[in-house]
């Protein structure tokens, strides 16, 4: 029975599928857009939308959720600030899926997953401490 089960299997077991989707969302937040098969794009879009929605809230819980995904606190700050600048009053519809064409080898549909608005994940400047010279 398939009670309370959602999502596609994508020809993988549970751990491989979770790792695949997590890596693709990480690449999406790092680069701003990715090219993948249409089935994978649809599978990752709902989870990526949830991460975007929590990131726009800009509170401690959202930063912890992003850190769980990205595993780098500098990238958490970059992604959070980039999403806040690009989507100040958004709650949903952060991503766009566009079908590009078919792959030559197996004729699979290739789709481009990108943000609706252009995002630049700029490096956050940190405060530098000045060293005093002892004269």
N, C-alpha and C. Protein backbone atom coordinates (compact mmCIF):
# COMPACT_ATOMS: atom_id res chain seq x y z
N UNK A 1 0.83 -1.18 0.00
CA UNK A 1 0.00 0.00 0.00
C UNK A 1 0.87 1.25 0.00
N UNK A 2 0.37 2.30 -0.60
CA UNK A 2 1.15 3.52 -0.74
C UNK A 2 0.51 4.66 0.04
N UNK A 3 0.21 4.41 1.31
CA UNK A 3 -0.37 5.45 2.13
C UNK A 3 0.73 6.40 2.58
N UNK A 4 0.46 7.68 2.46
CA UNK A 4 1.36 8.75 2.92
C UNK A 4 2.75 8.68 2.30
N UNK A 5 2.86 8.16 1.11
CA UNK A 5 4.12 8.09 0.38
C UNK A 5 4.04 9.10 -0.75
N UNK A 6 5.10 9.88 -0.93
CA UNK A 6 5.10 10.85 -2.01
C UNK A 6 6.45 10.86 -2.69
N UNK A 7 6.48 11.36 -3.91
CA UNK A 7 7.73 11.47 -4.63
C UNK A 7 7.99 10.29 -5.54
N UNK A 8 8.95 10.47 -6.42
CA UNK A 8 9.35 9.44 -7.36
C UNK A 8 10.55 8.67 -6.83
N UNK A 9 10.72 7.44 -7.27
CA UNK A 9 11.85 6.63 -6.80
C UNK A 9 13.14 6.95 -7.54
N UNK A 10 13.05 7.38 -8.78
CA UNK A 10 14.20 7.76 -9.61
C UNK A 10 15.19 6.61 -9.79
N UNK A 11 14.73 5.38 -9.66
CA UNK A 11 15.58 4.21 -9.88
C UNK A 11 16.66 4.03 -8.83
N UNK A 12 16.43 4.51 -7.62
CA UNK A 12 17.43 4.44 -6.56
C UNK A 12 16.77 4.00 -5.27
N UNK A 13 17.61 3.54 -4.33
CA UNK A 13 17.06 3.23 -3.02
C UNK A 13 16.94 4.51 -2.20
N UNK A 14 16.45 4.41 -0.99
CA UNK A 14 16.09 5.60 -0.21
C UNK A 14 17.28 6.50 0.08
N UNK A 15 18.40 5.93 0.53
CA UNK A 15 19.55 6.74 0.89
C UNK A 15 20.19 7.40 -0.33
N UNK A 16 20.27 6.67 -1.44
CA UNK A 16 20.83 7.24 -2.66
C UNK A 16 19.95 8.38 -3.18
N UNK A 17 18.64 8.20 -3.09
CA UNK A 17 17.71 9.22 -3.56
C UNK A 17 17.81 10.48 -2.70
N UNK A 18 17.89 10.30 -1.40
CA UNK A 18 18.01 11.45 -0.50
C UNK A 18 19.32 12.19 -0.75
N UNK A 19 20.40 11.45 -0.96
CA UNK A 19 21.70 12.06 -1.23
C UNK A 19 21.69 12.80 -2.56
N UNK A 20 21.07 12.22 -3.57
CA UNK A 20 20.99 12.84 -4.89
C UNK A 20 20.25 14.17 -4.81
N UNK A 21 19.10 14.18 -4.15
CA UNK A 21 18.31 15.40 -4.08
C UNK A 21 19.02 16.45 -3.24
N UNK A 22 19.65 16.04 -2.15
CA UNK A 22 20.38 16.99 -1.30
C UNK A 22 21.55 17.61 -2.06
N UNK A 23 22.28 16.81 -2.83
CA UNK A 23 23.41 17.33 -3.61
C UNK A 23 22.93 18.27 -4.70
N UNK A 24 21.81 17.96 -5.33
CA UNK A 24 21.32 18.84 -6.39
C UNK A 24 20.79 20.15 -5.83
N UNK A 25 20.17 20.12 -4.67
CA UNK A 25 19.72 21.37 -4.05
C UNK A 25 20.93 22.20 -3.63
N UNK A 26 21.96 21.53 -3.11
CA UNK A 26 23.19 22.24 -2.73
C UNK A 26 23.82 22.90 -3.96
N UNK A 27 23.84 22.21 -5.09
CA UNK A 27 24.39 22.77 -6.33
C UNK A 27 23.52 23.94 -6.83
N UNK A 28 22.22 23.82 -6.67
CA UNK A 28 21.31 24.89 -7.07
C UNK A 28 21.57 26.15 -6.25
N UNK A 29 21.74 26.00 -4.95
CA UNK A 29 22.01 27.15 -4.10
C UNK A 29 23.41 27.70 -4.32
N UNK A 30 24.33 26.88 -4.75
CA UNK A 30 25.69 27.34 -4.98
C UNK A 30 25.82 28.07 -6.31
N UNK A 31 25.24 27.52 -7.37
CA UNK A 31 25.43 28.06 -8.71
C UNK A 31 24.27 28.92 -9.21
N UNK A 32 23.09 28.77 -8.63
CA UNK A 32 21.95 29.55 -9.07
C UNK A 32 21.06 28.84 -10.07
N UNK A 33 21.61 27.89 -10.83
CA UNK A 33 20.81 27.10 -11.76
C UNK A 33 21.56 25.80 -12.07
N UNK A 34 20.81 24.75 -12.38
CA UNK A 34 21.43 23.47 -12.75
C UNK A 34 20.64 22.86 -13.91
N UNK A 35 21.31 21.98 -14.64
CA UNK A 35 20.66 21.22 -15.70
C UNK A 35 20.61 19.76 -15.25
N UNK A 36 19.43 19.16 -15.34
CA UNK A 36 19.24 17.79 -14.92
C UNK A 36 18.06 17.21 -15.70
N UNK A 37 17.75 15.95 -15.47
CA UNK A 37 16.60 15.37 -16.15
C UNK A 37 15.32 15.96 -15.57
N UNK A 38 14.26 15.90 -16.35
CA UNK A 38 13.00 16.50 -15.94
C UNK A 38 12.44 15.82 -14.69
N UNK A 39 12.56 14.51 -14.58
CA UNK A 39 12.04 13.80 -13.42
C UNK A 39 12.77 14.21 -12.14
N UNK A 40 14.10 14.36 -12.23
CA UNK A 40 14.86 14.80 -11.07
C UNK A 40 14.54 16.24 -10.71
N UNK A 41 14.30 17.07 -11.72
CA UNK A 41 13.97 18.48 -11.48
C UNK A 41 12.66 18.61 -10.74
N UNK A 42 11.67 17.82 -11.12
CA UNK A 42 10.38 17.86 -10.45
C UNK A 42 10.51 17.34 -9.02
N UNK A 43 11.34 16.31 -8.84
CA UNK A 43 11.51 15.72 -7.51
C UNK A 43 12.20 16.69 -6.55
N UNK A 44 13.16 17.46 -7.03
CA UNK A 44 13.90 18.35 -6.13
C UNK A 44 13.23 19.70 -5.96
N UNK A 45 12.30 20.06 -6.84
CA UNK A 45 11.73 21.41 -6.77
C UNK A 45 10.91 21.63 -5.50
N UNK A 46 10.16 20.64 -5.06
CA UNK A 46 9.32 20.86 -3.88
C UNK A 46 10.17 21.04 -2.63
N UNK A 47 11.22 20.26 -2.49
CA UNK A 47 12.08 20.40 -1.31
C UNK A 47 12.90 21.69 -1.37
N UNK A 48 13.34 22.07 -2.56
CA UNK A 48 14.09 23.31 -2.71
C UNK A 48 13.20 24.52 -2.41
N UNK A 49 11.93 24.45 -2.80
CA UNK A 49 10.99 25.53 -2.48
C UNK A 49 10.83 25.67 -0.96
N UNK A 50 10.80 24.54 -0.26
CA UNK A 50 10.67 24.60 1.19
C UNK A 50 11.90 25.24 1.83
N UNK A 51 13.09 24.89 1.33
CA UNK A 51 14.31 25.52 1.86
C UNK A 51 14.33 27.01 1.56
N UNK A 52 13.88 27.41 0.38
CA UNK A 52 13.83 28.84 0.04
C UNK A 52 12.85 29.57 0.95
N UNK A 53 11.72 28.95 1.20
CA UNK A 53 10.71 29.56 2.07
C UNK A 53 11.24 29.75 3.48
N UNK A 54 11.96 28.77 4.00
CA UNK A 54 12.51 28.92 5.34
C UNK A 54 13.65 29.92 5.36
N UNK A 55 14.43 30.01 4.28
CA UNK A 55 15.55 30.95 4.23
C UNK A 55 15.08 32.39 4.20
N UNK A 56 13.96 32.65 3.57
CA UNK A 56 13.45 34.01 3.47
C UNK A 56 12.92 34.49 4.83
N UNK A 57 12.57 33.58 5.71
CA UNK A 57 12.12 33.98 7.05
C UNK A 57 13.25 34.63 7.84
N UNK A 58 14.49 34.22 7.59
CA UNK A 58 15.68 34.83 8.18
C UNK A 58 15.66 34.82 9.71
N UNK A 59 15.48 33.64 10.28
CA UNK A 59 15.59 33.51 11.72
C UNK A 59 16.57 32.38 12.04
N UNK A 60 16.75 32.09 13.29
CA UNK A 60 17.73 31.09 13.70
C UNK A 60 17.36 29.70 13.20
N UNK A 61 16.09 29.38 13.21
CA UNK A 61 15.65 28.07 12.74
C UNK A 61 15.95 27.88 11.27
N UNK A 62 15.74 28.93 10.47
CA UNK A 62 16.02 28.82 9.04
C UNK A 62 17.51 28.69 8.78
N UNK A 63 18.33 29.39 9.55
CA UNK A 63 19.78 29.26 9.39
C UNK A 63 20.25 27.86 9.75
N UNK A 64 19.66 27.27 10.76
CA UNK A 64 20.03 25.90 11.14
C UNK A 64 19.61 24.90 10.07
N UNK A 65 18.44 25.10 9.47
CA UNK A 65 17.98 24.21 8.40
C UNK A 65 18.90 24.33 7.18
N UNK A 66 19.31 25.56 6.85
CA UNK A 66 20.24 25.74 5.73
C UNK A 66 21.61 25.16 6.04
N UNK A 67 22.05 25.28 7.28
CA UNK A 67 23.34 24.70 7.66
C UNK A 67 23.29 23.18 7.56
N UNK A 68 22.16 22.58 7.89
CA UNK A 68 22.01 21.14 7.76
C UNK A 68 22.16 20.71 6.31
N UNK A 69 21.75 21.56 5.39
CA UNK A 69 21.86 21.26 3.97
C UNK A 69 23.25 21.58 3.42
N UNK A 70 23.76 22.78 3.69
CA UNK A 70 24.98 23.27 3.05
C UNK A 70 26.26 22.90 3.79
N UNK A 71 26.20 22.72 5.10
CA UNK A 71 27.36 22.34 5.93
C UNK A 71 28.49 23.35 5.88
N UNK A 72 28.16 24.62 5.66
CA UNK A 72 29.17 25.67 5.64
C UNK A 72 28.50 26.98 6.05
N UNK A 73 28.93 27.56 7.16
CA UNK A 73 28.24 28.73 7.68
C UNK A 73 28.41 29.96 6.80
N UNK A 74 29.52 30.04 6.04
CA UNK A 74 29.69 31.17 5.13
C UNK A 74 28.68 31.09 3.98
N UNK A 75 28.44 29.87 3.46
CA UNK A 75 27.46 29.72 2.40
C UNK A 75 26.05 29.94 2.91
N UNK A 76 25.80 29.63 4.16
CA UNK A 76 24.49 29.90 4.74
C UNK A 76 24.22 31.39 4.72
N UNK A 77 25.20 32.19 5.11
CA UNK A 77 25.03 33.64 5.10
C UNK A 77 24.84 34.16 3.68
N UNK A 78 25.62 33.61 2.73
CA UNK A 78 25.51 34.05 1.33
C UNK A 78 24.13 33.73 0.76
N UNK A 79 23.68 32.50 0.98
CA UNK A 79 22.39 32.09 0.42
C UNK A 79 21.26 32.88 1.06
N UNK A 80 21.31 33.05 2.35
CA UNK A 80 20.25 33.78 3.04
C UNK A 80 20.19 35.24 2.58
N UNK A 81 21.34 35.90 2.49
CA UNK A 81 21.33 37.30 2.05
C UNK A 81 20.94 37.41 0.58
N UNK A 82 21.39 36.48 -0.25
CA UNK A 82 21.02 36.51 -1.67
C UNK A 82 19.53 36.31 -1.89
N UNK A 83 18.93 35.37 -1.15
CA UNK A 83 17.49 35.15 -1.28
C UNK A 83 16.69 36.32 -0.72
N UNK A 84 17.17 36.92 0.36
CA UNK A 84 16.45 38.07 0.92
C UNK A 84 16.49 39.27 -0.01
N UNK A 85 17.61 39.47 -0.71
CA UNK A 85 17.69 40.59 -1.65
C UNK A 85 16.84 40.36 -2.89
N UNK A 86 16.84 39.12 -3.39
CA UNK A 86 16.10 38.84 -4.62
C UNK A 86 14.60 38.67 -4.37
N UNK A 87 14.24 38.09 -3.23
CA UNK A 87 12.84 37.80 -2.93
C UNK A 87 12.43 38.42 -1.59
N UNK A 88 12.26 39.74 -1.53
CA UNK A 88 11.98 40.35 -0.23
C UNK A 88 10.61 40.00 0.35
N UNK A 89 9.58 39.89 -0.46
CA UNK A 89 8.22 39.64 0.05
C UNK A 89 7.62 38.36 -0.52
N UNK A 90 8.44 37.41 -0.92
CA UNK A 90 7.95 36.17 -1.51
C UNK A 90 7.73 35.12 -0.42
N UNK A 91 6.73 34.25 -0.63
CA UNK A 91 6.53 33.09 0.22
C UNK A 91 6.61 31.80 -0.57
N UNK A 92 6.40 31.88 -1.88
CA UNK A 92 6.44 30.69 -2.72
C UNK A 92 6.79 31.08 -4.14
N UNK A 93 6.90 30.07 -5.00
CA UNK A 93 7.26 30.24 -6.42
C UNK A 93 8.63 30.89 -6.59
N UNK A 94 9.65 30.26 -6.01
CA UNK A 94 11.01 30.75 -6.14
C UNK A 94 11.70 30.17 -7.37
N UNK A 95 11.29 28.98 -7.81
CA UNK A 95 12.00 28.25 -8.85
C UNK A 95 11.22 28.18 -10.15
N UNK A 96 11.97 27.97 -11.22
CA UNK A 96 11.41 27.80 -12.55
C UNK A 96 12.04 26.55 -13.17
N UNK A 97 11.23 25.72 -13.80
CA UNK A 97 11.73 24.54 -14.51
C UNK A 97 11.42 24.73 -15.99
N UNK A 98 12.46 24.74 -16.82
CA UNK A 98 12.31 24.92 -18.26
C UNK A 98 12.90 23.70 -18.96
N UNK A 99 12.11 23.06 -19.82
CA UNK A 99 12.61 21.91 -20.56
C UNK A 99 13.46 22.41 -21.72
N UNK A 100 14.72 21.96 -21.76
CA UNK A 100 15.67 22.42 -22.76
C UNK A 100 15.59 21.57 -24.02
N UNK A 101 15.60 20.26 -23.86
CA UNK A 101 15.58 19.36 -25.00
C UNK A 101 15.78 17.94 -24.51
N UNK A 102 16.21 17.07 -25.41
CA UNK A 102 16.43 15.68 -25.05
C UNK A 102 17.91 15.34 -25.10
N UNK A 103 18.33 14.46 -24.19
CA UNK A 103 19.71 14.02 -24.16
C UNK A 103 19.95 13.06 -25.32
N UNK A 104 21.12 13.14 -25.92
CA UNK A 104 21.39 12.37 -27.12
C UNK A 104 21.50 10.87 -26.85
N UNK A 105 22.07 10.49 -25.73
CA UNK A 105 22.33 9.08 -25.48
C UNK A 105 21.08 8.25 -25.23
N UNK A 106 20.22 8.70 -24.33
CA UNK A 106 19.05 7.91 -23.98
C UNK A 106 17.73 8.64 -24.21
N UNK A 107 17.77 9.81 -24.83
CA UNK A 107 16.59 10.58 -25.20
C UNK A 107 15.76 11.01 -23.98
N UNK A 108 16.44 11.23 -22.85
CA UNK A 108 15.75 11.72 -21.66
C UNK A 108 15.57 13.23 -21.76
N UNK A 109 14.46 13.73 -21.24
CA UNK A 109 14.20 15.17 -21.27
C UNK A 109 15.12 15.88 -20.28
N UNK A 110 15.82 16.90 -20.77
CA UNK A 110 16.72 17.68 -19.92
C UNK A 110 16.01 18.99 -19.58
N UNK A 111 16.05 19.34 -18.30
CA UNK A 111 15.41 20.56 -17.83
C UNK A 111 16.42 21.42 -17.09
N UNK A 112 16.18 22.72 -17.14
CA UNK A 112 17.01 23.66 -16.39
C UNK A 112 16.19 24.18 -15.22
N UNK A 113 16.74 24.00 -14.01
CA UNK A 113 16.09 24.49 -12.80
C UNK A 113 16.83 25.76 -12.39
N UNK A 114 16.11 26.85 -12.28
CA UNK A 114 16.74 28.12 -11.90
C UNK A 114 15.75 28.93 -11.06
N UNK A 115 16.27 29.97 -10.45
CA UNK A 115 15.42 30.86 -9.67
C UNK A 115 14.68 31.79 -10.62
N UNK A 116 13.51 32.24 -10.19
CA UNK A 116 12.68 33.11 -11.01
C UNK A 116 13.37 34.44 -11.25
N UNK A 117 14.02 34.97 -10.23
CA UNK A 117 14.79 36.20 -10.35
C UNK A 117 16.27 35.87 -10.28
N UNK A 118 17.11 36.65 -10.95
CA UNK A 118 18.55 36.37 -10.88
C UNK A 118 19.10 36.64 -9.48
N UNK A 119 19.92 35.72 -9.00
CA UNK A 119 20.48 35.82 -7.66
C UNK A 119 21.99 35.78 -7.77
N UNK A 120 22.64 36.65 -7.03
CA UNK A 120 24.09 36.59 -6.90
C UNK A 120 24.41 36.29 -5.45
N UNK A 121 25.12 35.21 -5.26
CA UNK A 121 25.54 34.83 -3.92
C UNK A 121 26.91 35.43 -3.67
N UNK A 122 26.93 36.70 -3.26
CA UNK A 122 28.18 37.41 -3.06
C UNK A 122 28.80 37.01 -1.72
N UNK A 123 30.11 37.13 -1.67
CA UNK A 123 30.82 36.81 -0.44
C UNK A 123 30.54 37.90 0.59
N UNK A 124 30.23 37.47 1.79
CA UNK A 124 29.96 38.40 2.88
C UNK A 124 31.29 38.88 3.45
N UNK A 125 31.42 40.18 3.57
CA UNK A 125 32.66 40.73 4.12
C UNK A 125 32.65 40.59 5.63
N UNK A 126 33.75 40.09 6.16
CA UNK A 126 33.87 39.93 7.60
C UNK A 126 34.76 41.03 8.15
N UNK A 127 34.60 41.30 9.41
CA UNK A 127 35.41 42.33 10.04
C UNK A 127 36.82 41.80 10.26
N UNK A 128 37.79 42.59 9.90
CA UNK A 128 39.18 42.22 10.11
C UNK A 128 39.71 42.99 11.31
N UNK A 129 40.42 42.29 12.14
CA UNK A 129 41.00 42.95 13.30
C UNK A 129 42.39 43.43 12.95
N UNK A 130 42.67 44.62 13.39
CA UNK A 130 43.99 45.21 13.12
C UNK A 130 44.95 44.81 14.22
N UNK A 131 46.12 44.42 13.81
CA UNK A 131 47.16 44.07 14.78
C UNK A 131 47.96 45.33 15.16
N UNK A 132 48.15 45.51 16.43
CA UNK A 132 48.91 46.68 16.88
C UNK A 132 50.39 46.33 16.94
N UNK A 133 51.17 47.25 16.45
CA UNK A 133 52.62 47.06 16.50
C UNK A 133 53.16 47.57 17.83
N UNK A 134 53.99 46.78 18.43
CA UNK A 134 54.64 47.20 19.67
C UNK A 134 55.90 47.95 19.33
N UNK A 135 55.95 49.23 19.67
CA UNK A 135 57.13 50.05 19.36
C UNK A 135 58.10 50.07 20.51
